[in-house]
Amino acid sequence: MSQILQRIEREMKHRQRTRAQIIVRRVSVIVLLIVIPLLLSELALRLMGFSRPQVDFSAQERLLKQATAALNERFDSNGFEYDQHLFWKLKPGSNLAGLDVDDRGLLSWKRPVWNAQQEKNSVKVLCLGDSVSAVTYRTFPDIAEQLAAEGTTSKTVHFYSAAVPGYSTEQALRRLPQLKHLEPNVVVLCFGWSDHFPALSVPDRELGAANAGLRMLHDLLKDVRLYQLIGAPLGTKPLDDEDAVKQQAVASGSSNKGSFRVSPPQFQANLEELISIVRSWDAVPVLATQPEDLKAYTEQFLQQNDFIAPNGRDNGGLHSQYNDIIRKVAAAQDVPMMDLEEEFVRRPREYMLEPDGIHLTGRGHNHVARLVLNMLKTKSFISEADYDAIARAEKHDTTAPDKPRATWSLIPEHVSAYVNDPVSVTVIPQNSGNTRWLKRHIIPRFGAEKNVSYGSSYLFARWRTVNSPTTGIAHRVEMPGNILPGEATSVTMSIKTPPHAGNYELEIGVGADRIGPLSNYGAETTTLTVTAVER
């Protein structure tokens, strides 16, 4: 009997488990090893008071659609459309500031005609950026391509503009992989302004979803502290009590002043990741700082809206900090850099930047275009001979004035007449700059507008008071024809004297539709002295 019992015991000890039982046991152990630390971590975060509120996707969608609508209103266009991953994007077939948007979502312009051999033997340059690179009718990618086409070069140079107003480096990271099919040789990255603007609700990194599955996952996990920690931008720290209150207000939509769209540490990380992606394509990344010429009233507005730090750029303002990060990354990563901030400081910024001190004028875009072409020469994408040929053939016009200059003759130089009487003067302007004055230039579409005169040049006259009140703009005469550099024309201007007796100066200059007086770009004006007397 004892032998039987011993045998039964031995068999029970050596009883074999089924394969299914073994798998279930192993899976259970693995699940416990994962779940228990996660639960403990979640508990620890809650006990520590960590909280980084996340915005549910329906609220994000409302917010980003409002931002998209605001962009369309700002640019008088229907060119922006909501995108759950990119936040917004340019709509194919639409128009932004006179530039059509092609079926790839890229800004397009009238391109030179190349034959098959030229297409094959080409350098492709892709430009990504925000509104600094995208806004105004003639932007530096367009201008650089036209300048390169005018010279007799051994290679053709193709430029693609994927710039979108309002884009940050976070949006660039999501957009860039979609552009690999363009097979660029060079990728120019020009970001900074939008990155340091106040967050739309939470930092850009925590907004949007690549697909419906991730969207659902976000809404399920948005209150989980571990998910909030993982989703936080690199380099951020747990919020203190005051910041937590701000962030709660942000999440509820009552404030947008809790944080930057892209914090300085995240901005650096994003630039490094963009560089890595471009290099993985065997292309050359190029970084660019962004210039500024903020006036007191502009700085006050930007400070009130948390766009720059108090006291502006002179006390380590935010914009300078972001430009310094660009320089730091370029040096550390051995990346070519166009220091536009430094370039513009050494030049007349009042001619190269719009009154807002942020966006480039035509003259500013022309200068950046030349810097890009010089960079292509420096990196041996085009030869010295090619660059010299481009420089010799360089042309500009009043759709994007470069260095407009004017030399004047008036006949007579002084007139005297009764108040409200007409006076005539022969005006002889000579184009002594490098910018062709166009008689007529029409853009078929300019945002929501049709057949817009843009860059059509004219002579204007406006009163400058000496001893009496000024009366404002007095007269305008269309240019009789295209005036090339070095050429002159003659125009008779008939103007009524002011209604009050006194001594006046009539300022006469050259202007262009949608550009304004070319004196804003450095062109000289002249004055006619007028004495108005009572009858």
Protein backbone atom coordinates (compact mmCIF):
# COMPACT_ATOMS: atom_id res chain seq x y z
CA MET A 1 0.00 0.00 0.00
CA SER A 2 2.78 2.38 0.89
CA GLN A 3 4.41 1.70 -2.46
CA ILE A 4 1.22 2.67 -4.26
CA LEU A 5 0.95 5.93 -2.32
CA GLN A 6 4.57 6.78 -3.06
CA ARG A 7 3.99 6.14 -6.74
CA ILE A 8 0.91 8.41 -6.76
CA GLU A 9 2.90 11.18 -5.04
CA ARG A 10 5.72 10.91 -7.59
CA GLU A 11 3.28 11.11 -10.49
CA MET A 12 1.53 14.17 -9.01
CA LYS A 13 4.85 15.94 -8.60
CA HIS A 14 5.78 15.29 -12.22
CA ARG A 15 2.38 16.02 -13.67
CA GLN A 16 2.79 17.97 -16.97
CA ARG A 17 0.89 21.25 -17.54
CA THR A 18 -0.76 21.86 -20.90
CA ARG A 19 0.75 24.36 -23.35
CA ALA A 20 -2.26 26.66 -22.94
CA GLN A 21 -1.78 26.72 -19.17
CA ILE A 22 1.88 27.61 -19.56
CA ILE A 23 1.06 30.50 -21.93
CA VAL A 24 -1.67 31.86 -19.65
CA ARG A 25 0.66 31.72 -16.67
CA ARG A 26 3.46 33.53 -18.51
CA VAL A 27 1.15 36.19 -19.89
CA SER A 28 -0.30 36.78 -16.43
CA VAL A 29 3.15 37.25 -14.96
CA ILE A 30 4.14 39.69 -17.74
CA VAL A 31 0.90 41.67 -17.36
CA LEU A 32 1.43 41.93 -13.61
CA LEU A 33 5.04 43.05 -14.10
CA ILE A 34 3.81 45.83 -16.40
CA VAL A 35 0.57 46.85 -14.69
CA ILE A 36 1.82 46.99 -11.11
CA PRO A 37 4.68 49.49 -11.84
CA LEU A 38 2.31 51.57 -13.98
CA LEU A 39 -0.27 51.69 -11.21
CA LEU A 40 2.37 52.55 -8.65
CA SER A 41 3.77 55.29 -10.94
CA GLU A 42 0.29 56.71 -11.53
CA LEU A 43 -0.35 56.72 -7.78
CA ALA A 44 3.01 58.37 -7.08
CA LEU A 45 2.34 61.12 -9.65
CA ARG A 46 -1.05 61.83 -8.14
CA LEU A 47 0.38 61.93 -4.61
CA MET A 48 3.10 64.33 -5.84
CA GLY A 49 0.37 66.58 -7.25
CA PHE A 50 1.57 66.29 -10.85
CA SER A 51 -1.08 67.50 -13.26
CA ARG A 52 -0.76 68.62 -16.86
CA PRO A 53 -4.32 68.99 -18.17
CA GLN A 54 -4.89 67.72 -21.70
CA VAL A 55 -7.53 69.10 -24.04
CA ASP A 56 -10.00 66.56 -25.41
CA PHE A 57 -10.00 66.28 -29.17
CA SER A 58 -13.41 67.81 -29.79
CA ALA A 59 -12.24 70.97 -27.97
CA GLN A 60 -8.98 70.90 -29.93
CA GLU A 61 -10.90 70.64 -33.18
CA ARG A 62 -13.06 73.66 -32.32
CA LEU A 63 -9.99 75.65 -31.33
CA LEU A 64 -7.97 74.79 -34.43
CA LYS A 65 -10.91 75.44 -36.73
CA GLN A 66 -11.22 78.88 -35.14
CA ALA A 67 -7.50 79.45 -35.75
CA THR A 68 -7.95 78.37 -39.37
CA ALA A 69 -10.87 80.75 -39.83
CA ALA A 70 -8.83 83.57 -38.27
CA LEU A 71 -6.01 82.93 -40.75
CA ASN A 72 -8.43 83.06 -43.68
CA GLU A 73 -9.80 86.35 -42.37
CA ARG A 74 -6.33 87.75 -41.72
CA PHE A 75 -5.16 87.02 -45.26
CA ASP A 76 -8.53 87.62 -46.95
CA SER A 77 -8.36 84.14 -48.39
CA ASN A 78 -10.02 80.75 -48.37
CA GLY A 79 -6.61 79.12 -48.64
CA PHE A 80 -6.41 77.62 -45.14
CA GLU A 81 -8.22 74.45 -44.13
CA TYR A 82 -8.35 72.51 -40.88
CA ASP A 83 -6.15 69.42 -40.51
CA GLN A 84 -6.27 67.22 -37.40
CA HIS A 85 -2.54 66.50 -37.55
CA LEU A 86 -1.02 69.70 -38.99
CA PHE A 87 -3.65 71.96 -37.28
CA TRP A 88 -4.15 73.80 -40.60
CA LYS A 89 -2.73 73.56 -44.10
CA LEU A 90 -2.96 75.30 -47.46
CA LYS A 91 -5.83 74.09 -49.60
CA PRO A 92 -4.85 72.90 -53.11
CA GLY A 93 -6.31 75.16 -55.79
CA SER A 94 -6.59 78.16 -53.45
CA ASN A 95 -4.57 81.38 -53.51
CA LEU A 96 -2.51 83.08 -50.80
CA ALA A 97 -1.35 86.67 -51.37
CA GLY A 98 -1.22 86.20 -55.13
CA LEU A 99 0.49 82.78 -55.07
CA ASP A 100 -1.49 79.74 -56.17
CA VAL A 101 -1.44 76.61 -54.03
CA ASP A 102 -0.73 73.51 -56.12
CA ASP A 103 -2.09 69.99 -55.63
CA ARG A 104 0.78 69.20 -53.24
CA GLY A 105 -0.10 72.13 -50.96
CA LEU A 106 2.97 74.10 -52.10
CA LEU A 107 3.03 77.77 -53.04
CA SER A 108 3.59 78.13 -56.78
CA TRP A 109 4.47 80.89 -59.22
CA LYS A 110 5.12 81.38 -62.92
CA ARG A 111 8.16 79.21 -63.46
CA PRO A 112 10.83 79.41 -66.17
CA VAL A 113 10.49 76.90 -69.01
CA TRP A 114 13.12 74.15 -68.80
CA ASN A 115 13.85 71.40 -71.30
CA ALA A 116 14.24 67.73 -70.32
CA GLN A 117 18.01 67.97 -69.99
CA GLN A 118 17.76 71.04 -67.75
CA GLU A 119 15.16 69.30 -65.59
CA LYS A 120 17.49 66.34 -65.18
CA ASN A 121 20.56 68.45 -64.41
CA SER A 122 19.04 70.49 -61.60
CA VAL A 123 19.46 71.45 -57.97
CA LYS A 124 16.29 71.20 -55.88
CA VAL A 125 15.84 73.51 -52.90
CA LEU A 126 12.91 73.02 -50.50
CA CYS A 127 12.01 75.95 -48.21
CA LEU A 128 9.98 75.45 -45.03
CA GLY A 129 8.95 78.31 -42.81
CA ASP A 130 6.18 80.45 -41.36
CA SER A 131 4.62 83.67 -42.66
CA VAL A 132 8.04 85.34 -42.89
CA SER A 133 8.79 82.98 -45.79
CA ALA A 134 5.24 82.76 -47.16
CA VAL A 135 3.64 86.21 -47.17
CA THR A 136 3.92 88.93 -49.85
CA TYR A 137 3.44 88.31 -53.51
CA ARG A 138 7.14 87.76 -54.33
CA THR A 139 8.94 85.66 -51.73
CA PHE A 140 12.58 84.65 -51.67
CA PRO A 141 12.12 81.10 -53.11
CA ASP A 142 10.29 82.58 -56.13
CA ILE A 143 12.82 85.41 -56.53
CA ALA A 144 15.83 83.09 -56.18
CA GLU A 145 14.48 80.76 -58.86
CA GLN A 146 13.86 83.67 -61.23
CA LEU A 147 17.33 85.13 -60.59
CA ALA A 148 18.95 81.74 -61.24
CA ALA A 149 16.97 81.29 -64.46
CA GLU A 150 18.08 84.66 -65.83
CA GLY A 151 21.77 83.70 -65.69
CA THR A 152 23.36 81.24 -68.11
CA THR A 153 24.20 78.44 -65.69
CA SER A 154 25.40 74.85 -66.03
CA LYS A 155 22.60 73.71 -63.70
CA THR A 156 18.99 74.76 -63.31
CA VAL A 157 17.83 75.60 -59.80
CA HIS A 158 14.33 74.54 -58.70
CA PHE A 159 12.80 76.05 -55.59
CA TYR A 160 9.80 74.63 -53.73
CA SER A 161 8.03 76.65 -51.04
CA ALA A 162 6.25 74.66 -48.32
CA ALA A 163 6.04 77.70 -46.04
CA VAL A 164 2.71 78.20 -44.27
CA PRO A 165 1.75 81.23 -42.16
CA GLY A 166 1.63 80.42 -38.47
CA TYR A 167 3.68 77.22 -38.69
CA SER A 168 5.95 76.23 -35.82
CA THR A 169 8.76 73.68 -35.84
CA GLU A 170 6.29 71.12 -34.44
CA GLN A 171 4.11 71.50 -37.53
CA ALA A 172 7.25 71.37 -39.69
CA LEU A 173 8.18 68.01 -38.14
CA ARG A 174 4.78 66.64 -39.13
CA ARG A 175 4.84 68.20 -42.60
CA LEU A 176 8.42 67.41 -43.65
CA PRO A 177 8.04 63.62 -44.14
CA GLN A 178 5.18 64.32 -46.59
CA LEU A 179 7.66 66.17 -48.85
CA LYS A 180 10.30 63.46 -49.26
CA HIS A 181 9.00 62.66 -52.76
CA LEU A 182 10.32 66.04 -53.95
CA GLU A 183 13.85 64.63 -53.50
CA PRO A 184 15.41 67.96 -52.50
CA ASN A 185 19.17 68.50 -52.43
CA VAL A 186 18.86 71.34 -49.92
CA VAL A 187 16.20 72.08 -47.28
CA VAL A 188 16.05 75.62 -45.85
CA LEU A 189 14.39 75.87 -42.41
CA CYS A 190 13.25 79.35 -41.33
CA PHE A 191 11.31 79.27 -38.03
CA GLY A 192 11.11 81.07 -34.72
CA TRP A 193 8.38 83.70 -34.54
CA SER A 194 5.42 81.32 -34.34
CA ASP A 195 7.26 78.98 -31.98
CA HIS A 196 7.53 81.55 -29.20
CA PHE A 197 3.98 82.84 -29.50
CA PRO A 198 1.56 81.85 -26.69
CA ALA A 199 0.25 78.31 -26.85
CA LEU A 200 -2.99 77.83 -28.76
CA SER A 201 -4.34 75.87 -25.78
CA VAL A 202 -1.47 73.66 -24.68
CA PRO A 203 1.96 73.42 -26.37
CA ASP A 204 1.84 72.39 -30.02
CA ARG A 205 3.37 69.00 -29.26
CA GLU A 206 0.27 68.05 -27.27
CA LEU A 207 -2.22 69.05 -29.99
CA GLY A 208 -3.49 67.09 -32.96
CA ALA A 209 -3.46 63.41 -33.87
CA ALA A 210 -2.06 61.55 -36.88
CA ASN A 211 -5.12 59.31 -37.25
CA ALA A 212 -8.53 58.44 -35.79
CA GLY A 213 -7.08 55.71 -33.56
CA LEU A 214 -4.67 58.08 -31.83
CA ARG A 215 -7.45 60.61 -31.51
CA MET A 216 -9.63 58.08 -29.61
CA LEU A 217 -6.66 56.99 -27.49
CA HIS A 218 -5.98 60.59 -26.49
CA ASP A 219 -9.55 61.14 -25.32
CA LEU A 220 -9.45 57.88 -23.31
CA LEU A 221 -6.15 58.64 -21.58
CA LYS A 222 -6.21 62.43 -21.26
CA ASP A 223 -6.83 62.28 -17.47
CA VAL A 224 -4.13 59.67 -16.81
CA ARG A 225 -1.10 61.31 -15.17
CA LEU A 226 1.39 58.99 -16.87
CA TYR A 227 -0.01 59.92 -20.27
CA GLN A 228 0.21 63.60 -19.35
CA LEU A 229 3.84 63.13 -18.32
CA ILE A 230 4.81 61.27 -21.51
CA GLY A 231 2.98 63.81 -23.66
CA ALA A 232 4.74 66.80 -22.08
CA PRO A 233 7.35 68.59 -24.23
CA LEU A 234 10.99 67.73 -23.60
CA GLY A 235 12.64 69.88 -20.98
CA THR A 236 9.41 70.93 -19.25
CA LYS A 237 8.99 70.51 -15.53
CA PRO A 238 5.91 69.65 -13.45
CA LEU A 239 3.77 72.73 -13.02
CA ASP A 240 3.81 74.60 -9.74
CA ASP A 241 0.54 75.76 -8.23
CA GLU A 242 0.43 79.06 -10.11
CA ASP A 243 1.29 77.46 -13.44
CA ALA A 244 -1.24 74.72 -12.82
CA VAL A 245 -3.97 77.33 -12.42
CA LYS A 246 -2.91 78.95 -15.69
CA GLN A 247 -2.84 75.61 -17.46
CA GLN A 248 -6.29 74.72 -16.14
CA ALA A 249 -7.54 78.01 -17.56
CA VAL A 250 -5.86 77.22 -20.85
CA ALA A 251 -7.47 73.80 -21.01
CA SER A 252 -10.87 75.32 -20.37
CA GLY A 253 -10.36 77.86 -23.13
CA SER A 254 -10.48 80.94 -20.91
CA SER A 255 -6.86 81.97 -21.43
CA ASN A 256 -4.01 81.43 -23.86
CA LYS A 257 -1.14 82.72 -21.71
CA GLY A 258 -0.02 79.51 -20.00
CA SER A 259 2.98 78.58 -22.15
CA PHE A 260 4.73 78.90 -25.50
CA ARG A 261 3.62 77.03 -28.57
CA VAL A 262 7.11 75.50 -28.63
CA SER A 263 9.31 76.07 -25.57
CA PRO A 264 13.01 76.94 -26.03
CA PRO A 265 14.23 73.40 -25.10
CA GLN A 266 11.63 71.82 -27.40
CA PHE A 267 12.53 74.29 -30.17
CA GLN A 268 16.13 73.09 -29.99
CA ALA A 269 15.06 69.44 -29.99
CA ASN A 270 12.76 70.02 -32.96
CA LEU A 271 15.52 71.69 -34.98
CA GLU A 272 17.84 68.78 -34.27
CA GLU A 273 15.18 66.29 -35.36
CA LEU A 274 14.45 68.25 -38.56
CA ILE A 275 18.17 68.21 -39.36
CA SER A 276 18.29 64.46 -38.77
CA ILE A 277 15.36 63.85 -41.14
CA VAL A 278 16.87 66.00 -43.89
CA ARG A 279 20.24 64.27 -43.59
CA SER A 280 18.56 60.87 -43.79
CA TRP A 281 17.47 61.93 -47.29
CA ASP A 282 21.11 62.67 -48.22
CA ALA A 283 20.15 66.34 -48.44
CA VAL A 284 21.79 69.38 -46.86
CA PRO A 285 19.81 71.16 -44.10
CA VAL A 286 20.21 74.95 -43.82
CA LEU A 287 19.04 76.95 -40.80
CA ALA A 288 18.08 80.63 -40.90
CA THR A 289 17.57 83.11 -38.10
CA GLN A 290 14.69 85.56 -38.43
CA PRO A 291 15.30 89.32 -38.52
CA GLU A 292 13.26 91.93 -36.69
CA ASP A 293 12.89 95.69 -36.48
CA LEU A 294 10.34 96.16 -33.73
CA LYS A 295 9.21 99.70 -33.02
CA ALA A 296 7.95 100.86 -29.63
CA TYR A 297 4.26 100.51 -30.55
CA THR A 298 4.86 97.05 -32.04
CA GLU A 299 6.79 95.89 -28.99
CA GLN A 300 4.03 97.13 -26.69
CA PHE A 301 1.42 95.12 -28.60
CA LEU A 302 3.59 92.00 -28.64
CA GLN A 303 4.40 92.31 -24.93
CA GLN A 304 0.73 92.71 -24.01
CA ASN A 305 0.02 89.46 -25.86
CA ASP A 306 3.05 87.62 -24.40
CA PHE A 307 4.73 87.40 -27.83
CA ILE A 308 8.00 88.88 -26.52
CA ALA A 309 9.46 89.40 -23.07
CA PRO A 310 9.04 92.71 -21.20
CA ASN A 311 11.54 95.36 -22.28
CA GLY A 312 11.81 93.72 -25.70
CA ARG A 313 14.96 92.55 -27.42
CA ASP A 314 17.44 94.65 -25.40
CA ASN A 315 16.92 92.56 -22.25
CA GLY A 316 17.27 89.11 -23.78
CA GLY A 317 13.85 89.14 -25.47
CA LEU A 318 12.28 85.86 -26.52
CA HIS A 319 12.94 86.37 -30.20
CA SER A 320 16.66 86.83 -29.62
CA GLN A 321 16.68 83.71 -27.44
CA TYR A 322 15.18 81.61 -30.22
CA ASN A 323 17.63 83.02 -32.77
CA ASP A 324 20.47 82.15 -30.38
CA ILE A 325 19.17 78.57 -30.22
CA ILE A 326 19.30 78.41 -34.03
CA ARG A 327 22.93 79.56 -33.97
CA LYS A 328 23.77 77.05 -31.21
CA VAL A 329 22.20 74.13 -33.10
CA ALA A 330 23.84 75.13 -36.39
CA ALA A 331 27.27 75.19 -34.71
CA ALA A 332 26.77 71.94 -32.80
CA GLN A 333 25.36 70.07 -35.81
CA ASP A 334 27.80 71.60 -38.33
CA VAL A 335 24.89 72.90 -40.41
CA PRO A 336 25.08 75.83 -42.86
CA MET A 337 23.31 78.88 -41.47
CA MET A 338 22.02 82.12 -42.94
CA ASP A 339 22.09 84.61 -40.08
CA LEU A 340 19.36 86.90 -41.41
CA GLU A 341 19.15 88.78 -38.11
CA GLU A 342 22.82 89.75 -38.40
CA GLU A 343 22.52 90.48 -42.13
CA PHE A 344 19.60 92.84 -41.62
CA VAL A 345 21.20 94.62 -38.63
CA ARG A 346 24.06 95.63 -40.93
CA ARG A 347 21.67 97.01 -43.55
CA PRO A 348 18.81 99.55 -43.63
CA ARG A 349 16.17 97.43 -41.88
CA GLU A 350 13.55 100.17 -42.30
CA TYR A 351 13.60 99.35 -46.04
CA MET A 352 13.81 95.57 -45.66
CA LEU A 353 11.07 94.87 -43.11
CA GLU A 354 7.39 95.75 -43.08
CA PRO A 355 6.11 98.29 -40.51
CA ASP A 356 5.26 95.39 -38.16
CA GLY A 357 9.01 94.73 -37.85
CA ILE A 358 8.51 91.01 -38.53
CA HIS A 359 7.68 90.36 -42.18
CA LEU A 360 10.01 91.05 -45.08
CA THR A 361 9.43 93.63 -47.78
CA GLY A 362 10.28 92.92 -51.39
CA ARG A 363 13.73 94.34 -50.75
CA GLY A 364 14.15 91.99 -47.80
CA HIS A 365 13.07 88.96 -49.83
CA ASN A 366 15.46 89.95 -52.62
CA HIS A 367 18.35 90.02 -50.18
CA VAL A 368 17.46 86.61 -48.73
CA ALA A 369 17.19 85.20 -52.27
CA ARG A 370 20.76 86.30 -52.97
CA LEU A 371 21.93 84.79 -49.67
CA VAL A 372 20.34 81.44 -50.59
CA LEU A 373 22.05 81.46 -54.00
CA ASN A 374 25.36 82.35 -52.34
CA MET A 375 24.89 79.44 -49.95
CA LEU A 376 24.37 77.11 -52.96
CA LYS A 377 27.66 78.38 -54.35
CA THR A 378 29.44 77.94 -51.01
CA LYS A 379 28.23 74.34 -50.75
CA SER A 380 29.23 73.69 -54.40
CA PHE A 381 25.72 73.08 -55.70
CA ILE A 382 26.38 75.77 -58.28
CA SER A 383 29.78 76.93 -59.50
CA GLU A 384 31.48 80.28 -59.09
CA ALA A 385 30.90 80.85 -62.81
CA ASP A 386 27.17 80.08 -62.39
CA TYR A 387 26.90 82.52 -59.50
CA ASP A 388 28.72 85.23 -61.44
CA ALA A 389 26.37 84.69 -64.39
CA ILE A 390 23.36 85.08 -62.07
CA ALA A 391 24.80 88.28 -60.59
CA ARG A 392 25.44 89.80 -64.04
CA ALA A 393 21.89 89.03 -65.22
CA GLU A 394 20.21 90.09 -61.96
CA LYS A 395 16.87 91.85 -62.55
CA HIS A 396 14.19 93.24 -60.25
CA ASP A 397 10.91 95.04 -60.73
CA THR A 398 8.23 96.89 -58.76
CA THR A 399 6.43 93.68 -57.78
CA ALA A 400 9.37 93.19 -55.37
CA PRO A 401 11.48 96.38 -55.34
CA ASP A 402 15.12 95.83 -54.52
CA LYS A 403 17.14 99.07 -54.56
CA PRO A 404 14.85 101.60 -56.25
CA ARG A 405 16.50 104.96 -56.83
CA ALA A 406 15.20 108.07 -58.59
CA THR A 407 16.88 111.20 -59.94
CA TRP A 408 14.57 114.18 -60.56
CA SER A 409 14.22 117.28 -62.71
CA LEU A 410 11.31 119.73 -62.33
CA ILE A 411 10.26 122.49 -64.71
CA PRO A 412 9.71 124.95 -63.07
CA GLU A 413 11.14 124.37 -59.59
CA HIS A 414 8.93 127.02 -57.96
CA VAL A 415 5.40 128.17 -58.75
CA SER A 416 3.14 130.86 -57.33
CA ALA A 417 -0.63 130.91 -57.83
CA TYR A 418 -3.93 131.84 -56.24
CA VAL A 419 -5.47 129.40 -53.73
CA ASN A 420 -7.45 126.60 -55.37
CA ASP A 421 -5.99 127.41 -58.80
CA PRO A 422 -4.45 124.66 -60.94
CA VAL A 423 -0.70 124.68 -61.51
CA SER A 424 1.27 122.51 -63.91
CA VAL A 425 4.78 121.14 -63.57
CA THR A 426 6.83 118.94 -65.88
CA VAL A 427 8.32 116.07 -63.94
CA ILE A 428 11.28 114.15 -65.37
CA PRO A 429 12.14 111.11 -63.23
CA GLN A 430 15.13 108.94 -64.10
CA ASN A 431 15.31 105.35 -62.89
CA SER A 432 18.78 105.34 -61.32
CA GLY A 433 18.34 102.14 -59.28
CA ASN A 434 18.23 98.45 -60.17
CA THR A 435 14.44 98.02 -60.18
CA ARG A 436 12.35 98.23 -63.34
CA TRP A 437 9.27 100.45 -62.94
CA LEU A 438 6.36 98.49 -64.42
CA LYS A 439 3.58 100.40 -66.14
CA ARG A 440 1.02 97.68 -65.51
CA HIS A 441 1.07 94.38 -63.64
CA ILE A 442 -2.14 92.45 -62.92
CA ILE A 443 -2.44 89.36 -60.72
CA PRO A 444 -5.45 87.21 -61.76
CA ARG A 445 -6.05 86.06 -58.16
CA PHE A 446 -4.90 87.63 -54.93
CA GLY A 447 -6.52 85.66 -52.13
CA ALA A 448 -10.25 86.24 -52.57
CA GLU A 449 -9.74 89.19 -54.94
CA LYS A 450 -9.65 89.04 -58.74
CA ASN A 451 -7.49 90.93 -61.24
CA VAL A 452 -5.50 92.91 -58.70
CA SER A 453 -3.07 95.59 -59.81
CA TYR A 454 0.13 94.79 -57.95
CA GLY A 455 3.41 96.55 -58.71
CA SER A 456 1.92 98.87 -61.33
CA SER A 457 3.96 102.06 -60.93
CA TYR A 458 2.87 105.70 -60.80
CA LEU A 459 4.04 109.18 -59.87
CA PHE A 460 2.41 110.72 -56.82
CA ALA A 461 2.36 114.18 -55.33
CA ARG A 462 1.45 115.11 -51.76
CA TRP A 463 1.62 118.36 -49.83
CA ARG A 464 4.10 118.97 -47.05
CA THR A 465 3.20 122.05 -45.03
CA VAL A 466 5.60 124.91 -44.29
CA ASN A 467 3.45 127.56 -42.63
CA SER A 468 -0.06 126.21 -43.23
CA PRO A 469 -2.06 123.01 -42.65
CA THR A 470 -1.21 120.13 -44.97
CA THR A 471 -3.86 118.84 -47.37
CA GLY A 472 -2.57 115.28 -47.90
CA ILE A 473 -2.14 113.49 -51.26
CA ALA A 474 -2.93 115.78 -54.14
CA HIS A 475 -2.34 113.92 -57.40
CA ARG A 476 -1.38 110.64 -59.03
CA VAL A 477 -0.28 109.90 -62.60
CA GLU A 478 0.19 106.43 -64.06
CA MET A 479 3.62 105.66 -65.48
CA PRO A 480 3.56 106.11 -69.29
CA GLY A 481 5.46 102.86 -69.86
CA ASN A 482 7.90 100.41 -68.33
CA ILE A 483 10.97 102.37 -67.22
CA LEU A 484 14.15 100.31 -67.15
CA PRO A 485 17.14 101.15 -64.94
CA GLY A 486 18.98 104.09 -66.51
CA GLU A 487 15.94 105.29 -68.47
CA ALA A 488 13.94 108.47 -67.87
CA THR A 489 10.46 109.68 -68.75
CA SER A 490 8.57 112.98 -68.74
CA VAL A 491 5.15 113.55 -67.19
CA THR A 492 3.07 116.68 -66.73
CA MET A 493 1.30 116.91 -63.39
CA SER A 494 -1.60 119.36 -62.93
CA ILE A 495 -2.44 120.10 -59.31
CA LYS A 496 -4.70 122.51 -57.48
CA THR A 497 -3.04 124.73 -54.91
CA PRO A 498 -4.23 124.31 -51.30
CA PRO A 499 -7.34 126.26 -50.18
CA HIS A 500 -5.38 128.37 -47.70
CA ALA A 501 -2.71 130.91 -48.43
CA GLY A 502 0.80 129.97 -47.45
CA ASN A 503 4.06 128.43 -48.53
CA TYR A 504 3.99 124.73 -49.35
CA GLU A 505 6.26 121.97 -50.51
CA LEU A 506 4.80 119.46 -52.97
CA GLU A 507 6.57 116.13 -52.46
CA ILE A 508 6.79 114.08 -55.68
CA GLY A 509 7.83 110.45 -55.79
CA VAL A 510 7.37 107.04 -57.39
CA GLY A 511 4.94 104.49 -56.00
CA ALA A 512 3.61 101.04 -56.90
CA ASP A 513 0.17 99.51 -56.35
CA ARG A 514 -0.01 97.38 -53.17
CA ILE A 515 3.63 98.32 -52.50
CA GLY A 516 3.19 102.00 -51.71
CA PRO A 517 5.73 104.82 -52.09
CA LEU A 518 9.08 103.44 -53.20
CA SER A 519 10.64 105.93 -50.79
CA ASN A 520 9.78 103.27 -48.19
CA TYR A 521 12.41 101.14 -49.96
CA GLY A 522 15.02 103.87 -50.34
CA ALA A 523 13.94 105.73 -53.49
CA GLU A 524 14.50 109.48 -53.47
CA THR A 525 11.66 112.00 -53.73
CA THR A 526 11.79 115.61 -54.88
CA THR A 527 9.90 118.77 -53.88
CA LEU A 528 8.25 121.60 -55.77
CA THR A 529 8.00 124.86 -53.84
CA VAL A 530 4.50 126.37 -54.15
CA THR A 531 3.26 129.71 -52.87
CA ALA A 532 -0.52 130.05 -52.59
CA VAL A 533 -1.89 133.59 -52.25
CA GLU A 534 -5.38 134.98 -51.66
CA ARG A 535 -7.18 136.53 -54.62
